Amino acid sequence: MAEYELGMALREAYNNAKRNEIAMSVHLFGIEHGEEILANHYNIQEIARISGIGQSYGVEVSKGVKLSRFVELKKNQL
């Protein structure tokens, strides 16, 4: 995926999250796409900007990306 597509996927994750689970959903996005973001040296702040949800969520995506090195998502939980 390109940064634009990741931004749209982040927007979708944000919009589909329950109100009290938005930050968690953004973290999960970072975990799910962390390997791709790191491998392609994508700018996380740019992905957040493209998503339209607010650049401040770039910090939350970054947390998920960092966690992606240590955790694996359960597929039935996505």
N, C-alpha and C. Protein backbone atom coordinates (compact mmCIF):
# COMPACT_ATOMS: atom_id res chain seq x y z
N MET A 1 0.84 -1.19 0.00
CA MET A 1 0.00 0.00 0.00
C MET A 1 0.88 1.25 0.00
N ALA A 2 0.39 2.26 -0.62
CA ALA A 2 1.05 3.56 -0.58
C ALA A 2 0.56 4.33 0.65
N GLU A 3 1.23 5.44 0.97
CA GLU A 3 0.82 6.24 2.13
C GLU A 3 -0.64 6.66 2.02
N TYR A 4 -1.08 7.02 0.82
CA TYR A 4 -2.48 7.44 0.65
C TYR A 4 -3.44 6.33 1.04
N GLU A 5 -3.16 5.13 0.57
CA GLU A 5 -4.04 3.98 0.88
C GLU A 5 -4.01 3.66 2.37
N LEU A 6 -2.86 3.78 2.99
CA LEU A 6 -2.78 3.57 4.43
C LEU A 6 -3.57 4.64 5.18
N GLY A 7 -3.51 5.87 4.69
CA GLY A 7 -4.30 6.94 5.29
C GLY A 7 -5.80 6.65 5.23
N MET A 8 -6.25 6.14 4.10
CA MET A 8 -7.67 5.80 3.95
C MET A 8 -8.03 4.61 4.85
N ALA A 9 -7.12 3.65 4.99
CA ALA A 9 -7.37 2.50 5.87
C ALA A 9 -7.41 2.96 7.33
N LEU A 10 -6.56 3.92 7.68
CA LEU A 10 -6.58 4.47 9.05
C LEU A 10 -7.89 5.19 9.31
N ARG A 11 -8.36 5.95 8.34
CA ARG A 11 -9.65 6.64 8.49
C ARG A 11 -10.77 5.62 8.71
N GLU A 12 -10.74 4.54 7.95
CA GLU A 12 -11.76 3.50 8.09
C GLU A 12 -11.70 2.86 9.48
N ALA A 13 -10.49 2.56 9.96
CA ALA A 13 -10.34 1.98 11.29
C ALA A 13 -10.88 2.93 12.35
N TYR A 14 -10.60 4.21 12.21
CA TYR A 14 -11.09 5.24 13.13
C TYR A 14 -12.61 5.33 13.10
N ASN A 15 -13.16 5.41 11.91
CA ASN A 15 -14.61 5.57 11.76
C ASN A 15 -15.40 4.35 12.20
N ASN A 16 -14.80 3.17 12.09
CA ASN A 16 -15.50 1.94 12.47
C ASN A 16 -15.34 1.58 13.94
N ALA A 17 -14.51 2.32 14.66
CA ALA A 17 -14.27 2.02 16.07
C ALA A 17 -15.41 2.55 16.94
N LYS A 18 -15.68 1.83 18.02
CA LYS A 18 -16.62 2.33 19.01
C LYS A 18 -15.99 3.56 19.65
N ARG A 19 -16.82 4.44 20.15
CA ARG A 19 -16.35 5.72 20.68
C ARG A 19 -15.25 5.55 21.73
N ASN A 20 -15.41 4.59 22.62
CA ASN A 20 -14.44 4.40 23.69
C ASN A 20 -13.29 3.48 23.29
N GLU A 21 -13.21 3.11 22.02
CA GLU A 21 -12.15 2.22 21.54
C GLU A 21 -11.36 2.82 20.37
N ILE A 22 -11.47 4.11 20.17
CA ILE A 22 -10.81 4.74 19.02
C ILE A 22 -9.29 4.63 19.13
N ALA A 23 -8.72 4.99 20.26
CA ALA A 23 -7.26 4.94 20.41
C ALA A 23 -6.76 3.51 20.22
N MET A 24 -7.48 2.55 20.78
CA MET A 24 -7.09 1.15 20.63
C MET A 24 -7.13 0.75 19.15
N SER A 25 -8.14 1.18 18.45
CA SER A 25 -8.27 0.86 17.03
C SER A 25 -7.10 1.44 16.23
N VAL A 26 -6.69 2.63 16.59
CA VAL A 26 -5.56 3.27 15.91
C VAL A 26 -4.26 2.51 16.24
N HIS A 27 -4.11 2.08 17.48
CA HIS A 27 -2.94 1.26 17.85
C HIS A 27 -2.94 -0.03 17.04
N LEU A 28 -4.10 -0.67 16.94
CA LEU A 28 -4.19 -1.92 16.18
C LEU A 28 -3.86 -1.70 14.71
N PHE A 29 -4.26 -0.57 14.16
CA PHE A 29 -3.88 -0.23 12.79
C PHE A 29 -2.36 -0.20 12.67
N GLY A 30 -1.69 0.44 13.61
CA GLY A 30 -0.23 0.51 13.60
C GLY A 30 0.41 -0.85 13.71
N ILE A 31 -0.16 -1.72 14.53
CA ILE A 31 0.37 -3.08 14.66
C ILE A 31 0.18 -3.84 13.36
N GLU A 32 -1.01 -3.74 12.80
CA GLU A 32 -1.34 -4.48 11.58
C GLU A 32 -0.47 -4.06 10.39
N HIS A 33 -0.19 -2.77 10.29
CA HIS A 33 0.53 -2.24 9.13
C HIS A 33 1.97 -1.84 9.45
N GLY A 34 2.41 -2.13 10.67
CA GLY A 34 3.73 -1.70 11.11
C GLY A 34 4.87 -2.17 10.24
N GLU A 35 4.87 -3.43 9.89
CA GLU A 35 5.95 -3.97 9.08
C GLU A 35 6.05 -3.24 7.74
N GLU A 36 4.91 -3.00 7.13
CA GLU A 36 4.87 -2.31 5.83
C GLU A 36 5.33 -0.86 5.96
N ILE A 37 4.88 -0.19 7.02
CA ILE A 37 5.27 1.20 7.25
C ILE A 37 6.78 1.30 7.45
N LEU A 38 7.33 0.40 8.25
CA LEU A 38 8.77 0.43 8.52
C LEU A 38 9.58 0.06 7.28
N ALA A 39 9.15 -0.98 6.58
CA ALA A 39 9.90 -1.46 5.41
C ALA A 39 9.98 -0.41 4.31
N ASN A 40 8.93 0.39 4.18
CA ASN A 40 8.87 1.39 3.12
C ASN A 40 9.26 2.79 3.60
N HIS A 41 9.64 2.90 4.87
CA HIS A 41 10.05 4.18 5.45
C HIS A 41 8.97 5.25 5.27
N TYR A 42 7.71 4.84 5.45
CA TYR A 42 6.61 5.79 5.32
C TYR A 42 6.59 6.75 6.50
N ASN A 43 6.12 7.94 6.25
CA ASN A 43 6.01 8.97 7.27
C ASN A 43 4.66 8.80 7.98
N ILE A 44 4.72 8.44 9.24
CA ILE A 44 3.50 8.17 10.01
C ILE A 44 2.65 9.42 10.15
N GLN A 45 3.27 10.57 10.35
CA GLN A 45 2.51 11.82 10.46
C GLN A 45 1.78 12.13 9.16
N GLU A 46 2.40 11.80 8.03
CA GLU A 46 1.76 12.02 6.73
C GLU A 46 0.56 11.08 6.56
N ILE A 47 0.69 9.85 7.01
CA ILE A 47 -0.44 8.90 6.95
C ILE A 47 -1.59 9.44 7.79
N ALA A 48 -1.28 9.94 8.98
CA ALA A 48 -2.33 10.51 9.85
C ALA A 48 -2.96 11.74 9.20
N ARG A 49 -2.14 12.58 8.57
CA ARG A 49 -2.68 13.77 7.90
C ARG A 49 -3.61 13.38 6.76
N ILE A 50 -3.19 12.42 5.96
CA ILE A 50 -4.00 11.95 4.82
C ILE A 50 -5.33 11.39 5.31
N SER A 51 -5.31 10.72 6.45
CA SER A 51 -6.53 10.09 6.97
C SER A 51 -7.62 11.10 7.30
N GLY A 52 -7.20 12.32 7.63
CA GLY A 52 -8.17 13.35 7.99
C GLY A 52 -8.68 13.25 9.41
N ILE A 53 -8.13 12.36 10.20
CA ILE A 53 -8.61 12.20 11.59
C ILE A 53 -7.83 13.07 12.56
N GLY A 54 -6.79 13.70 12.09
CA GLY A 54 -5.97 14.56 12.94
C GLY A 54 -4.56 14.03 13.06
N GLN A 55 -3.60 14.92 12.85
CA GLN A 55 -2.21 14.50 12.89
C GLN A 55 -1.80 14.03 14.27
N SER A 56 -2.51 14.45 15.30
CA SER A 56 -2.16 14.00 16.65
C SER A 56 -2.27 12.49 16.79
N TYR A 57 -3.08 11.86 15.95
CA TYR A 57 -3.20 10.40 15.99
C TYR A 57 -1.96 9.71 15.42
N GLY A 58 -1.08 10.47 14.80
CA GLY A 58 0.18 9.91 14.33
C GLY A 58 0.98 9.30 15.48
N VAL A 59 0.90 9.93 16.65
CA VAL A 59 1.58 9.41 17.84
C VAL A 59 1.02 8.05 18.20
N GLU A 60 -0.29 7.90 18.12
CA GLU A 60 -0.92 6.63 18.46
C GLU A 60 -0.58 5.55 17.43
N VAL A 61 -0.54 5.93 16.16
CA VAL A 61 -0.13 4.98 15.12
C VAL A 61 1.31 4.54 15.39
N SER A 62 2.17 5.50 15.73
CA SER A 62 3.56 5.20 16.01
C SER A 62 3.70 4.19 17.15
N LYS A 63 2.88 4.32 18.17
CA LYS A 63 2.90 3.35 19.28
C LYS A 63 2.58 1.95 18.76
N GLY A 64 1.58 1.86 17.90
CA GLY A 64 1.22 0.57 17.32
C GLY A 64 2.33 0.00 16.45
N VAL A 65 2.97 0.86 15.67
CA VAL A 65 4.07 0.42 14.80
C VAL A 65 5.20 -0.14 15.66
N LYS A 66 5.52 0.55 16.75
CA LYS A 66 6.56 0.06 17.65
C LYS A 66 6.18 -1.29 18.25
N LEU A 67 4.92 -1.43 18.64
CA LEU A 67 4.44 -2.70 19.20
C LEU A 67 4.47 -3.82 18.17
N SER A 68 4.35 -3.48 16.90
CA SER A 68 4.28 -4.50 15.84
C SER A 68 5.53 -5.38 15.81
N ARG A 69 6.61 -4.90 16.35
CA ARG A 69 7.84 -5.71 16.39
C ARG A 69 7.75 -6.81 17.44
N PHE A 70 6.79 -6.70 18.37
CA PHE A 70 6.73 -7.61 19.50
C PHE A 70 5.45 -8.42 19.63
N VAL A 71 4.41 -8.00 18.93
CA VAL A 71 3.11 -8.66 19.07
C VAL A 71 2.58 -9.12 17.73
N GLU A 72 1.63 -10.02 17.77
CA GLU A 72 0.98 -10.51 16.56
C GLU A 72 -0.52 -10.46 16.80
N LEU A 73 -1.26 -9.95 15.83
CA LEU A 73 -2.70 -9.86 15.96
C LEU A 73 -3.34 -11.22 15.76
N LYS A 74 -4.38 -11.46 16.52
CA LYS A 74 -5.20 -12.65 16.29
C LYS A 74 -6.14 -12.32 15.15
N LYS A 75 -6.11 -13.08 14.09
CA LYS A 75 -6.89 -12.77 12.89
C LYS A 75 -8.39 -12.70 13.16
N ASN A 76 -8.89 -13.51 14.07
CA ASN A 76 -10.32 -13.50 14.35
C ASN A 76 -10.74 -12.28 15.15
N GLN A 77 -9.80 -11.45 15.56
CA GLN A 77 -10.12 -10.25 16.33
C GLN A 77 -10.18 -8.99 15.47
N LEU A 78 -9.77 -9.08 14.22
CA LEU A 78 -9.76 -7.88 13.37
C LEU A 78 -11.12 -7.54 12.86
